[in-house]
Every structure is written in structure tokens, then in C-alpha cells.
Amino acid sequence: MRNIFYSLVFIFVVWVLMQPRPTADIVTYHNDYRVDSNYLTPIEPLTESVNTMSVIPKRKENAVDLYIKKYSKTAIEEMRLYGIPASITLAQGIVESNAGRSNLSVKHNNHFGMKWRKGRAEGYAVYSDDSPRDKFVVYKSAWRSFRDHSILLAKSDRYKRLLKSNDYKRWAKGLRDCGYATNKGYDKMLISVIEKYKLHKFDKI
């Protein structure tokens, strides 16, 4: 009986081994993708990728970011030549030109609200500001506007006393006290922009 049992077991094992095995697509893994004969699809990686930072969405740049990127080098150069903190130049440009989006800056390259006075070589454009028909300087380029702004603050008796300090807060308050703008909160506006966008870092370059 024992021999018969072993014989039956042997026959069963042989029978199982001889049965056709189910076929399957060959699947391989390459980095973070599953590859087979039909498609390539992402899979969950087994470990955190070293490139994780590359997929974190960056904060979308707004108009102020773009303005800073475009004019920061000019502001730094003006600071080196005339002693005006780059943070102040950038903050005034942002406030006065609405980050380069005002009609005065777009159409006439005037980034600092510079008024036209008789005897100037440049032409002027008329806008309503302190009075219904104020005349503003028309510049050939934005750079000329920045340079004129530097000369005004560094050379005129009205502002040149501010050059004794390189502190942006003192500059902001000084510009308010000297009447650069009629807004009584002008200094707070400038300081707010400087600190929000960390413009003071350009003063140390």
C-alpha cells in the first residue's frame, strides 16, 4: 500500500509540473517608473527622492518682484555713485511708478514722479496730480529717470543733508519731512515696501 501511495504522489507532482503556467507581461522598474510592453507610468518611489526640492512649486513672481529683478543693479550702481541707499531708490520707484505699471513710467519712463521745470532740456507730459495740469518730465529711458532721481537727492540743498546717513528708515522719514511727497505716511509706505521685500539687503552689496 505504501508503494502505491508514493506512486500516486509522484504521478500527481509530475502532473502538476506538466500543467501550462499562466503568462504575464514582463514588468521592470526603472527609477520611478513602471515599464511594461504597453505603457510607461509613474509609481510611488520606495524612498524619498533626492530631487524633492525640484518639484516644490515656486511662489509666482508678482510685479514688484519683477521690478526689483529688473532695476536692482541700477539702484546699486546709483548708490555707489551718489550715496543713496539702493533700498530707498527701489522703494521709491516701486511706490511712485506702481512697480513700473503707471502710465507715467510705461509711456514716459518717469519712475519717480519727477516734475518738469522751465529750462529743462526734456519734454513734459501733463497729468493731474497736486493740480489738474501738472507737468512731468519725459525721459528717453528708465535709466535716465534713475540718474535724475539720484542727482536730485544728492545735489539739491533740499535733500543732500540726508546723505549723512545710510539707514533706510532715516532716509524714508527725511524724504517725508523734506516734502518729497504730500502723503503724510510716505515714510511708512517706503519702509513697508523695503521690509516686505527685504530691499535693505541691497544696501550692503
C-alpha atoms as a PDB file:
ATOM      1  CA  MET A   1       0.000   0.000   0.000  1.00  0.00           C
ATOM      2  CA  ARG A   2       2.821   2.317   0.867  1.00  0.00           C
ATOM      3  CA  ASN A   3       4.350   1.833  -2.558  1.00  0.00           C
ATOM      4  CA  ILE A   4       1.036   2.599  -4.228  1.00  0.00           C
ATOM      5  CA  PHE A   5       0.665   5.831  -2.158  1.00  0.00           C
ATOM      6  CA  TYR A   6       4.133   7.067  -3.099  1.00  0.00           C
ATOM      7  CA  SER A   7       3.443   6.206  -6.709  1.00  0.00           C
ATOM      8  CA  LEU A   8       0.242   8.270  -6.710  1.00  0.00           C
ATOM      9  CA  VAL A   9       2.017  11.217  -5.059  1.00  0.00           C
ATOM     10  CA  PHE A  10       4.777  11.050  -7.656  1.00  0.00           C
ATOM     11  CA  ILE A  11       2.255  10.929 -10.505  1.00  0.00           C
ATOM     12  CA  PHE A  12       0.389  13.945  -9.042  1.00  0.00           C
ATOM     13  CA  VAL A  13       3.564  16.025  -8.710  1.00  0.00           C
ATOM     14  CA  VAL A  14       4.575  15.186 -12.261  1.00  0.00           C
ATOM     15  CA  TRP A  15       1.089  16.107 -13.465  1.00  0.00           C
ATOM     16  CA  VAL A  16       1.209  19.490 -11.671  1.00  0.00           C
ATOM     17  CA  LEU A  17       4.616  20.286 -13.087  1.00  0.00           C
ATOM     18  CA  MET A  18       3.449  19.471 -16.594  1.00  0.00           C
ATOM     19  CA  GLN A  19       0.462  21.877 -16.460  1.00  0.00           C
ATOM     20  CA  PRO A  20       0.834  25.064 -18.596  1.00  0.00           C
ATOM     21  CA  ARG A  21       1.753  28.082 -16.459  1.00  0.00           C
ATOM     22  CA  PRO A  22      -0.196  31.379 -16.883  1.00  0.00           C
ATOM     23  CA  THR A  23       1.658  34.001 -18.889  1.00  0.00           C
ATOM     24  CA  ALA A  24       2.173  37.629 -17.755  1.00  0.00           C
ATOM     25  CA  ASP A  25       3.653  40.771 -19.200  1.00  0.00           C
ATOM     26  CA  ILE A  26       7.246  41.329 -18.220  1.00  0.00           C
ATOM     27  CA  VAL A  27       7.384  44.225 -15.771  1.00  0.00           C
ATOM     28  CA  THR A  28      10.597  46.006 -14.852  1.00  0.00           C
ATOM     29  CA  TYR A  29      11.305  49.049 -12.771  1.00  0.00           C
ATOM     30  CA  HIS A  30      13.459  51.957 -13.899  1.00  0.00           C
ATOM     31  CA  ASN A  31      13.956  54.768 -11.410  1.00  0.00           C
ATOM     32  CA  ASP A  32      10.448  55.939 -10.509  1.00  0.00           C
ATOM     33  CA  TYR A  33       8.621  54.416 -13.471  1.00  0.00           C
ATOM     34  CA  ARG A  34       6.984  51.057 -14.147  1.00  0.00           C
ATOM     35  CA  VAL A  35       7.689  49.792 -17.629  1.00  0.00           C
ATOM     36  CA  ASP A  36       5.884  47.061 -19.489  1.00  0.00           C
ATOM     37  CA  SER A  37       5.142  46.288 -23.091  1.00  0.00           C
ATOM     38  CA  ASN A  38       2.203  48.688 -23.252  1.00  0.00           C
ATOM     39  CA  TYR A  39       2.864  51.770 -21.165  1.00  0.00           C
ATOM     40  CA  LEU A  40       5.141  53.867 -19.004  1.00  0.00           C
ATOM     41  CA  THR A  41       3.513  55.157 -15.848  1.00  0.00           C
ATOM     42  CA  PRO A  42       4.805  56.822 -12.679  1.00  0.00           C
ATOM     43  CA  ILE A  43       4.796  54.806  -9.463  1.00  0.00           C
ATOM     44  CA  GLU A  44       5.343  55.776  -5.869  1.00  0.00           C
ATOM     45  CA  PRO A  45       9.094  55.759  -5.147  1.00  0.00           C
ATOM     46  CA  LEU A  46      10.202  53.410  -2.376  1.00  0.00           C
ATOM     47  CA  THR A  47      12.361  56.136  -0.814  1.00  0.00           C
ATOM     48  CA  GLU A  48      12.232  59.913  -0.872  1.00  0.00           C
ATOM     49  CA  SER A  49      13.888  61.253  -3.973  1.00  0.00           C
ATOM     50  CA  VAL A  50      16.954  63.466  -3.530  1.00  0.00           C
ATOM     51  CA  ASN A  51      15.351  65.773  -6.094  1.00  0.00           C
ATOM     52  CA  THR A  52      12.336  66.571  -3.922  1.00  0.00           C
ATOM     53  CA  MET A  53      13.021  70.325  -3.917  1.00  0.00           C
ATOM     54  CA  SER A  54      12.768  70.483  -7.686  1.00  0.00           C
ATOM     55  CA  VAL A  55       9.072  69.611  -7.628  1.00  0.00           C
ATOM     56  CA  ILE A  56       8.054  72.108  -4.926  1.00  0.00           C
ATOM     57  CA  PRO A  57       6.119  74.878  -6.704  1.00  0.00           C
ATOM     58  CA  LYS A  58       7.832  78.247  -6.547  1.00  0.00           C
ATOM     59  CA  ARG A  59       5.979  81.375  -5.469  1.00  0.00           C
ATOM     60  CA  LYS A  60       4.749  83.168  -8.546  1.00  0.00           C
ATOM     61  CA  GLU A  61       6.643  86.386  -9.119  1.00  0.00           C
ATOM     62  CA  ASN A  62       4.485  89.493  -8.943  1.00  0.00           C
ATOM     63  CA  ALA A  63       5.051  92.916 -10.487  1.00  0.00           C
ATOM     64  CA  VAL A  64       7.170  94.100  -7.551  1.00  0.00           C
ATOM     65  CA  ASP A  65       9.444  91.039  -7.741  1.00  0.00           C
ATOM     66  CA  LEU A  66       9.980  91.649 -11.439  1.00  0.00           C
ATOM     67  CA  TYR A  67      10.653  95.345 -10.865  1.00  0.00           C
ATOM     68  CA  ILE A  68      13.286  94.539  -8.246  1.00  0.00           C
ATOM     69  CA  LYS A  69      14.915  91.974 -10.522  1.00  0.00           C
ATOM     70  CA  LYS A  70      14.997  94.458 -13.394  1.00  0.00           C
ATOM     71  CA  TYR A  71      16.264  97.561 -11.581  1.00  0.00           C
ATOM     72  CA  SER A  72      18.217  96.363  -8.521  1.00  0.00           C
ATOM     73  CA  LYS A  73      21.584  96.578 -10.329  1.00  0.00           C
ATOM     74  CA  THR A  74      20.818 100.137 -11.420  1.00  0.00           C
ATOM     75  CA  ALA A  75      19.866 101.102  -7.861  1.00  0.00           C
ATOM     76  CA  ILE A  76      23.105  99.585  -6.514  1.00  0.00           C
ATOM     77  CA  GLU A  77      25.183 101.468  -9.071  1.00  0.00           C
ATOM     78  CA  GLU A  78      23.435 104.745  -8.187  1.00  0.00           C
ATOM     79  CA  MET A  79      24.125 104.046  -4.508  1.00  0.00           C
ATOM     80  CA  ARG A  80      27.837 103.615  -5.208  1.00  0.00           C
ATOM     81  CA  LEU A  81      27.982 106.816  -7.238  1.00  0.00           C
ATOM     82  CA  TYR A  82      25.735 109.101  -5.188  1.00  0.00           C
ATOM     83  CA  GLY A  83      25.382 107.562  -1.706  1.00  0.00           C
ATOM     84  CA  ILE A  84      21.629 106.974  -1.788  1.00  0.00           C
ATOM     85  CA  PRO A  85      20.665 103.586  -0.280  1.00  0.00           C
ATOM     86  CA  ALA A  86      19.608 101.189  -3.035  1.00  0.00           C
ATOM     87  CA  SER A  87      16.649 100.167  -0.883  1.00  0.00           C
ATOM     88  CA  ILE A  88      15.338 103.738  -0.910  1.00  0.00           C
ATOM     89  CA  THR A  89      15.762 104.111  -4.670  1.00  0.00           C
ATOM     90  CA  LEU A  90      13.959 100.819  -5.324  1.00  0.00           C
ATOM     91  CA  ALA A  91      11.197 101.501  -2.798  1.00  0.00           C
ATOM     92  CA  GLN A  92      10.542 104.971  -4.232  1.00  0.00           C
ATOM     93  CA  GLY A  93      10.500 103.551  -7.748  1.00  0.00           C
ATOM     94  CA  ILE A  94       8.022 100.863  -6.704  1.00  0.00           C
ATOM     95  CA  VAL A  95       5.732 103.313  -4.883  1.00  0.00           C
ATOM     96  CA  GLU A  96       5.923 106.180  -7.380  1.00  0.00           C
ATOM     97  CA  SER A  97       5.568 104.051 -10.530  1.00  0.00           C
ATOM     98  CA  ASN A  98       3.296 101.321  -9.135  1.00  0.00           C
ATOM     99  CA  ALA A  99       6.137  98.864  -9.776  1.00  0.00           C
ATOM    100  CA  GLY A 100       6.611 100.099 -13.321  1.00  0.00           C
ATOM    101  CA  ARG A 101       2.934  99.879 -14.276  1.00  0.00           C
ATOM    102  CA  SER A 102       1.846 103.536 -14.105  1.00  0.00           C
ATOM    103  CA  ASN A 103       1.185 105.433 -17.321  1.00  0.00           C
ATOM    104  CA  LEU A 104       3.925 107.872 -16.393  1.00  0.00           C
ATOM    105  CA  SER A 105       6.532 105.103 -16.198  1.00  0.00           C
ATOM    106  CA  VAL A 106       5.265 102.964 -19.081  1.00  0.00           C
ATOM    107  CA  LYS A 107       4.756 105.798 -21.570  1.00  0.00           C
ATOM    108  CA  HIS A 108       7.346 108.314 -20.390  1.00  0.00           C
ATOM    109  CA  ASN A 109       9.975 106.355 -18.403  1.00  0.00           C
ATOM    110  CA  ASN A 110       9.350 108.538 -15.350  1.00  0.00           C
ATOM    111  CA  HIS A 111       9.695 106.224 -12.329  1.00  0.00           C
ATOM    112  CA  PHE A 112       9.913 108.802  -9.544  1.00  0.00           C
ATOM    113  CA  GLY A 113       7.177 111.312 -10.267  1.00  0.00           C
ATOM    114  CA  MET A 114       9.739 113.927 -11.276  1.00  0.00           C
ATOM    115  CA  LYS A 115       8.119 117.249 -12.108  1.00  0.00           C
ATOM    116  CA  TRP A 116       9.170 119.312 -15.120  1.00  0.00           C
ATOM    117  CA  ARG A 117      10.535 122.796 -14.563  1.00  0.00           C
ATOM    118  CA  LYS A 118      11.172 125.549 -17.066  1.00  0.00           C
ATOM    119  CA  GLY A 119      14.603 125.317 -18.594  1.00  0.00           C
ATOM    120  CA  ARG A 120      14.791 121.528 -18.680  1.00  0.00           C
ATOM    121  CA  ALA A 121      16.008 120.007 -21.937  1.00  0.00           C
ATOM    122  CA  GLU A 122      13.466 117.175 -21.841  1.00  0.00           C
ATOM    123  CA  GLY A 123       9.874 117.416 -22.883  1.00  0.00           C
ATOM    124  CA  TYR A 124       6.973 117.002 -20.489  1.00  0.00           C
ATOM    125  CA  ALA A 125       3.669 115.191 -20.160  1.00  0.00           C
ATOM    126  CA  VAL A 126       0.636 116.676 -18.399  1.00  0.00           C
ATOM    127  CA  TYR A 127      -1.101 114.678 -15.673  1.00  0.00           C
ATOM    128  CA  SER A 128      -3.426 115.544 -12.840  1.00  0.00           C
ATOM    129  CA  ASP A 129      -1.584 115.315  -9.528  1.00  0.00           C
ATOM    130  CA  ASP A 130      -1.290 118.103  -6.977  1.00  0.00           C
ATOM    131  CA  SER A 131      -3.030 120.302  -9.554  1.00  0.00           C
ATOM    132  CA  PRO A 132      -5.147 119.359 -12.600  1.00  0.00           C
ATOM    133  CA  ARG A 133      -2.338 120.099 -15.072  1.00  0.00           C
ATOM    134  CA  ASP A 134       0.982 119.141 -13.537  1.00  0.00           C
ATOM    135  CA  LYS A 135       3.922 118.732 -15.880  1.00  0.00           C
ATOM    136  CA  PHE A 136       6.117 115.644 -15.555  1.00  0.00           C
ATOM    137  CA  VAL A 137       9.490 115.002 -17.177  1.00  0.00           C
ATOM    138  CA  VAL A 138       9.538 112.684 -20.192  1.00  0.00           C
ATOM    139  CA  TYR A 139      12.708 110.553 -20.224  1.00  0.00           C
ATOM    140  CA  LYS A 140      14.260 108.691 -23.134  1.00  0.00           C
ATOM    141  CA  SER A 141      14.959 105.683 -20.912  1.00  0.00           C
ATOM    142  CA  ALA A 142      14.264 104.370 -17.424  1.00  0.00           C
ATOM    143  CA  TRP A 143      17.975 104.694 -16.638  1.00  0.00           C
ATOM    144  CA  ARG A 144      17.808 108.480 -17.202  1.00  0.00           C
ATOM    145  CA  SER A 145      14.959 108.619 -14.713  1.00  0.00           C
ATOM    146  CA  PHE A 146      17.038 106.783 -12.102  1.00  0.00           C
ATOM    147  CA  ARG A 147      20.031 109.049 -12.694  1.00  0.00           C
ATOM    148  CA  ASP A 148      17.940 112.226 -12.466  1.00  0.00           C
ATOM    149  CA  HIS A 149      16.481 110.959  -9.198  1.00  0.00           C
ATOM    150  CA  SER A 150      19.993 110.379  -7.815  1.00  0.00           C
ATOM    151  CA  ILE A 151      21.161 113.849  -8.828  1.00  0.00           C
ATOM    152  CA  LEU A 152      18.104 115.460  -7.252  1.00  0.00           C
ATOM    153  CA  LEU A 153      18.603 113.777  -3.873  1.00  0.00           C
ATOM    154  CA  ALA A 154      22.397 114.096  -3.797  1.00  0.00           C
ATOM    155  CA  LYS A 155      22.871 117.599  -5.174  1.00  0.00           C
ATOM    156  CA  SER A 156      19.897 119.744  -4.199  1.00  0.00           C
ATOM    157  CA  ASP A 157      20.047 121.680  -0.930  1.00  0.00           C
ATOM    158  CA  ARG A 158      16.638 120.295  -0.055  1.00  0.00           C
ATOM    159  CA  TYR A 159      17.735 116.653   0.211  1.00  0.00           C
ATOM    160  CA  LYS A 160      21.523 116.417   0.329  1.00  0.00           C
ATOM    161  CA  ARG A 161      21.614 116.513   4.144  1.00  0.00           C
ATOM    162  CA  LEU A 162      20.147 113.011   4.030  1.00  0.00           C
ATOM    163  CA  LEU A 163      23.464 111.719   2.672  1.00  0.00           C
ATOM    164  CA  LYS A 164      24.876 111.814   6.213  1.00  0.00           C
ATOM    165  CA  SER A 165      23.100 108.508   6.894  1.00  0.00           C
ATOM    166  CA  ASN A 166      22.769 105.204   5.062  1.00  0.00           C
ATOM    167  CA  ASP A 167      19.916 103.997   7.264  1.00  0.00           C
ATOM    168  CA  TYR A 168      16.809 103.436   5.153  1.00  0.00           C
ATOM    169  CA  LYS A 169      14.430 104.374   7.983  1.00  0.00           C
ATOM    170  CA  ARG A 170      16.095 107.764   8.448  1.00  0.00           C
ATOM    171  CA  TRP A 171      16.050 108.287   4.711  1.00  0.00           C
ATOM    172  CA  ALA A 172      12.348 107.445   4.489  1.00  0.00           C
ATOM    173  CA  LYS A 173      11.477 109.856   7.290  1.00  0.00           C
ATOM    174  CA  GLY A 174      13.787 112.500   5.847  1.00  0.00           C
ATOM    175  CA  LEU A 175      12.095 112.303   2.444  1.00  0.00           C
ATOM    176  CA  ARG A 176       8.738 112.756   4.139  1.00  0.00           C
ATOM    177  CA  ASP A 177       9.966 115.728   6.188  1.00  0.00           C
ATOM    178  CA  CYS A 178      11.569 117.336   3.125  1.00  0.00           C
ATOM    179  CA  GLY A 179       8.259 117.100   1.273  1.00  0.00           C
ATOM    180  CA  TYR A 180       9.185 114.654  -1.493  1.00  0.00           C
ATOM    181  CA  ALA A 181       5.521 113.584  -1.460  1.00  0.00           C
ATOM    182  CA  THR A 182       2.421 115.168   0.015  1.00  0.00           C
ATOM    183  CA  ASN A 183       1.314 111.887   1.635  1.00  0.00           C
ATOM    184  CA  LYS A 184       1.986 112.202   5.377  1.00  0.00           C
ATOM    185  CA  GLY A 185       2.512 108.447   5.602  1.00  0.00           C
ATOM    186  CA  TYR A 186       5.098 108.405   2.818  1.00  0.00           C
ATOM    187  CA  ASP A 187       7.868 107.160   5.109  1.00  0.00           C
ATOM    188  CA  LYS A 188       5.741 104.264   6.344  1.00  0.00           C
ATOM    189  CA  MET A 189       4.935 103.276   2.766  1.00  0.00           C
ATOM    190  CA  LEU A 190       8.623 103.153   1.845  1.00  0.00           C
ATOM    191  CA  ILE A 191       9.648 101.273   4.990  1.00  0.00           C
ATOM    192  CA  SER A 192       6.851  98.765   4.499  1.00  0.00           C
ATOM    193  CA  VAL A 193       7.976  98.008   0.932  1.00  0.00           C
ATOM    194  CA  ILE A 194      11.638  97.776   1.952  1.00  0.00           C
ATOM    195  CA  GLU A 195      10.964  95.339   4.761  1.00  0.00           C
ATOM    196  CA  LYS A 196       8.390  93.232   2.949  1.00  0.00           C
ATOM    197  CA  TYR A 197      10.721  92.647   0.006  1.00  0.00           C
ATOM    198  CA  LYS A 198      13.948  92.770   2.047  1.00  0.00           C
ATOM    199  CA  LEU A 199      15.351  95.556  -0.097  1.00  0.00           C
ATOM    200  CA  HIS A 200      17.795  96.553   2.660  1.00  0.00           C
ATOM    201  CA  LYS A 201      19.982  93.606   1.584  1.00  0.00           C
ATOM    202  CA  PHE A 202      20.985  95.653  -1.464  1.00  0.00           C
ATOM    203  CA  ASP A 203      22.398  98.382   0.793  1.00  0.00           C
ATOM    204  CA  LYS A 204      25.164  96.018   1.922  1.00  0.00           C
ATOM    205  CA  ILE A 205      26.381  94.980  -1.520  1.00  0.00           C
END
